[in-house]
Amino acid sequence: MLPPACAGPSPPTSTAPPPWQGHFDQDVLNAEAAVDGWYAPLTNIPANQADPAQVLIHYKGQGTVERRYHDFKGPLAVAPVFVQHNRRVAALIPVICLALLVFCLIERQVRRALGLEQTMTGLYPDNRRVRPTGRMIFYHLGELTLRIGNVTDPPTVQITRGVQLHLLDLLDTDITRTRWPQT
C-alpha cells in the first residue's frame, strides 16, 4: 500500500472561489478626493529660514537640476565607462562635471547676451523664436570648421550659416584671433 502523499491526485474540493465580501468606505474616499491634486513637498530647510512660498519656489526650481541631469546623459554623451581602478572613476567624475559646467555656462552666456527676452530665431528650420539651449548651441557651433593656415595665410573659421556667427557674437568670441602667437 502507498503512503497518502504518493496516492495520486486528490479530487477537486470546490468549484468557485468565494464571493468578494468587502465594502468601500465612503468617508475615506471623500477625504482622498478632497486632497486629490495636492501634494506636500518635504524639505530640509528649517521653518525659520523659509516660508511655504519660498519652499515652493525652491521645489519648482528642481526642474533645472533635472534638465542638467538630462544634459549630462544626452549631449555630453556620458556612457558607461569600465575602468580597472576606483581612482580612475574618481578622476573621471570631476572631468565630466567640468564639461557639464562649461555646457551650462555657454547656455547662460548666450541667454544673458540676448537680453530680457532671451529668445532668438535661426535655431530651428522654421525660424520660430525660442530660448537657446546648450544642446542647440553646440549643435550649430559643432558644424564650424577650421581651415588650417600656413606661414603667409592665418587659420580661419569657416562659418556656413548666419546663426553660427550670431552665436559667436553672443558668446563674445573673436574668431579672427588665434590662441597661438603669429610668427
Protein backbone atom coordinates (compact mmCIF):
# COMPACT_ATOMS: atom_id res chain seq x y z
CA MET A 1 0.00 0.00 0.00
CA LEU A 2 1.30 3.52 -0.91
CA PRO A 3 1.53 6.32 1.64
CA PRO A 4 -1.15 9.01 1.32
CA ALA A 5 1.28 11.55 -0.23
CA CYS A 6 2.02 9.20 -3.14
CA ALA A 7 -1.52 8.02 -3.71
CA GLY A 8 -2.06 10.33 -6.73
CA PRO A 9 -4.00 13.49 -7.40
CA SER A 10 -6.67 14.47 -4.95
CA PRO A 11 -10.20 15.17 -6.14
CA PRO A 12 -11.23 18.84 -6.57
CA THR A 13 -12.66 20.31 -3.40
CA SER A 14 -14.59 23.41 -4.57
CA THR A 15 -15.91 24.66 -7.85
CA ALA A 16 -15.82 28.51 -7.45
CA PRO A 17 -13.94 30.98 -5.32
CA PRO A 18 -15.87 32.59 -2.51
CA PRO A 19 -17.54 35.90 -3.40
CA TRP A 20 -15.73 39.14 -2.51
CA GLN A 21 -17.03 40.45 0.76
CA GLY A 22 -15.63 43.95 1.06
CA HIS A 23 -17.02 47.42 1.09
CA PHE A 24 -15.94 50.92 0.10
CA ASP A 25 -15.51 53.33 2.99
CA GLN A 26 -17.18 56.43 1.56
CA ASP A 27 -15.66 58.71 4.23
CA VAL A 28 -12.13 57.65 3.22
CA LEU A 29 -12.95 58.09 -0.47
CA ASN A 30 -14.33 61.59 0.19
CA ALA A 31 -11.26 62.56 2.23
CA GLU A 32 -8.94 61.35 -0.55
CA ALA A 33 -10.96 63.16 -3.22
CA ALA A 34 -10.75 66.41 -1.21
CA VAL A 35 -6.92 66.43 -1.40
CA ASP A 36 -6.61 64.98 -4.89
CA GLY A 37 -4.03 67.01 -6.80
CA TRP A 38 -2.47 68.44 -3.67
CA TYR A 39 0.97 67.43 -2.52
CA ALA A 40 3.28 68.35 0.30
CA PRO A 41 6.94 68.83 -0.68
CA LEU A 42 9.33 67.75 2.01
CA THR A 43 12.36 69.90 2.69
CA ASN A 44 15.35 70.05 4.98
CA ILE A 45 15.14 73.85 5.15
CA PRO A 46 14.28 74.88 8.72
CA ALA A 47 10.88 76.57 9.14
CA ASN A 48 12.50 79.76 10.46
CA GLN A 49 14.55 80.13 7.24
CA ALA A 50 11.85 79.69 4.61
CA ASP A 51 8.13 80.21 4.43
CA PRO A 52 5.88 77.91 2.35
CA ALA A 53 6.12 80.20 -0.71
CA GLN A 54 9.93 80.04 -0.68
CA VAL A 55 9.85 76.26 -0.29
CA LEU A 56 7.52 76.01 -3.30
CA ILE A 57 9.78 78.28 -5.39
CA HIS A 58 12.77 76.15 -4.44
CA TYR A 59 10.85 73.00 -5.32
CA LYS A 60 9.78 74.38 -8.70
CA GLY A 61 13.44 75.14 -9.45
CA GLN A 62 14.30 71.46 -9.27
CA GLY A 63 13.36 71.14 -12.95
CA THR A 64 16.57 72.98 -13.82
CA VAL A 65 18.59 70.40 -11.93
CA GLU A 66 16.72 67.58 -13.64
CA ARG A 67 17.38 69.18 -17.03
CA ARG A 68 21.09 69.25 -16.23
CA TYR A 69 20.99 65.53 -15.48
CA HIS A 70 19.34 65.12 -18.88
CA ASP A 71 22.18 67.13 -20.46
CA PHE A 72 24.68 65.01 -18.58
CA LYS A 73 23.25 61.86 -20.14
CA GLY A 74 22.36 63.37 -23.53
CA PRO A 75 24.52 65.84 -25.44
CA LEU A 76 27.55 65.25 -23.25
CA ALA A 77 27.21 61.57 -24.17
CA VAL A 78 28.29 60.22 -20.83
CA ALA A 79 28.19 56.48 -21.34
CA PRO A 80 29.21 53.61 -19.11
CA VAL A 81 32.96 53.52 -18.67
CA PHE A 82 34.67 50.40 -17.49
CA VAL A 83 37.85 51.11 -15.59
CA GLN A 84 40.05 48.89 -13.51
CA HIS A 85 40.67 51.12 -10.52
CA ASN A 86 38.42 53.26 -8.35
CA ARG A 87 40.87 56.14 -8.52
CA ARG A 88 40.20 56.40 -12.27
CA VAL A 89 36.47 56.66 -11.62
CA ALA A 90 37.19 59.33 -9.04
CA ALA A 91 39.30 61.19 -11.62
CA LEU A 92 36.61 60.96 -14.34
CA ILE A 93 33.83 62.46 -12.23
CA PRO A 94 35.40 65.95 -11.93
CA VAL A 95 36.20 65.96 -15.66
CA ILE A 96 32.59 65.15 -16.54
CA CYS A 97 31.27 67.70 -14.06
CA LEU A 98 33.60 70.33 -15.53
CA ALA A 99 32.23 69.56 -19.01
CA LEU A 100 28.69 69.99 -17.68
CA LEU A 101 29.67 73.29 -16.07
CA VAL A 102 31.10 74.62 -19.35
CA PHE A 103 27.97 73.42 -21.17
CA CYS A 104 25.75 75.31 -18.72
CA LEU A 105 27.89 78.47 -18.71
CA ILE A 106 27.78 78.70 -22.51
CA GLU A 107 23.98 78.42 -22.44
CA ARG A 108 23.83 81.05 -19.70
CA GLN A 109 26.12 83.46 -21.56
CA VAL A 110 24.05 83.25 -24.75
CA ARG A 111 20.81 83.85 -22.86
CA ARG A 112 22.25 86.80 -20.94
CA ALA A 113 23.59 88.35 -24.13
CA LEU A 114 20.11 88.11 -25.68
CA GLY A 115 18.71 90.40 -23.01
CA LEU A 116 15.37 90.23 -21.25
CA GLU A 117 13.52 88.31 -23.96
CA GLN A 118 16.15 85.53 -24.08
CA THR A 119 14.83 84.18 -27.39
CA MET A 120 16.27 84.10 -30.88
CA THR A 121 15.49 82.83 -34.36
CA GLY A 122 17.56 80.61 -36.59
CA LEU A 123 17.95 77.64 -34.29
CA TYR A 124 15.18 75.67 -35.99
CA PRO A 125 14.39 75.44 -39.71
CA ASP A 126 11.05 77.25 -39.32
CA ASN A 127 12.79 80.30 -37.70
CA ARG A 128 10.49 80.38 -34.68
CA ARG A 129 11.67 82.34 -31.65
CA VAL A 130 12.93 80.02 -28.91
CA ARG A 131 15.18 80.15 -25.88
CA PRO A 132 18.53 78.71 -26.91
CA THR A 133 19.57 75.57 -25.08
CA GLY A 134 23.09 74.28 -24.68
CA ARG A 135 22.23 71.38 -26.94
CA MET A 136 21.13 73.65 -29.79
CA ILE A 137 24.09 75.99 -29.33
CA PHE A 138 26.56 73.11 -29.56
CA TYR A 139 24.63 71.61 -32.47
CA HIS A 140 25.10 74.75 -34.55
CA LEU A 141 28.63 75.51 -33.39
CA GLY A 142 29.60 71.87 -33.90
CA GLU A 143 29.29 72.38 -37.64
CA LEU A 144 32.02 75.04 -37.70
CA THR A 145 35.23 74.05 -39.41
CA LEU A 146 38.73 75.43 -39.13
CA ARG A 147 40.75 75.96 -42.26
CA ILE A 148 44.34 75.29 -41.37
CA GLY A 149 46.62 78.16 -42.24
CA ASN A 150 50.23 78.37 -43.25
CA VAL A 151 53.07 80.84 -42.86
CA THR A 152 51.50 83.52 -45.05
CA ASP A 153 47.80 82.76 -44.50
CA PRO A 154 46.43 82.55 -40.92
CA PRO A 155 43.91 79.85 -39.96
CA THR A 156 40.27 80.85 -40.36
CA VAL A 157 36.97 79.58 -39.04
CA GLN A 158 34.58 78.63 -41.83
CA ILE A 159 31.10 79.95 -40.99
CA THR A 160 28.40 78.44 -43.19
CA ARG A 161 25.26 79.94 -41.61
CA GLY A 162 24.30 83.23 -40.03
CA VAL A 163 23.16 81.62 -36.80
CA GLN A 164 26.71 80.45 -36.17
CA LEU A 165 28.04 84.00 -36.46
CA HIS A 166 25.22 85.28 -34.25
CA LEU A 167 26.02 82.67 -31.56
CA LEU A 168 29.72 83.50 -31.69
CA ASP A 169 28.86 87.20 -31.30
CA LEU A 170 26.62 86.41 -28.31
CA LEU A 171 29.48 84.43 -26.78
CA ASP A 172 31.77 87.41 -27.39
CA THR A 173 34.17 85.22 -29.37
CA ASP A 174 36.63 86.84 -31.75
CA ILE A 175 37.28 84.23 -34.40
CA THR A 176 39.97 86.34 -36.06
CA ARG A 177 42.32 85.96 -33.10
CA THR A 178 44.04 82.63 -32.71
CA ARG A 179 45.21 81.15 -29.45
CA TRP A 180 48.77 80.88 -30.60
CA PRO A 181 51.03 83.83 -31.40
CA GLN A 182 51.68 84.71 -35.03
CA THR A 183 55.32 84.40 -36.01
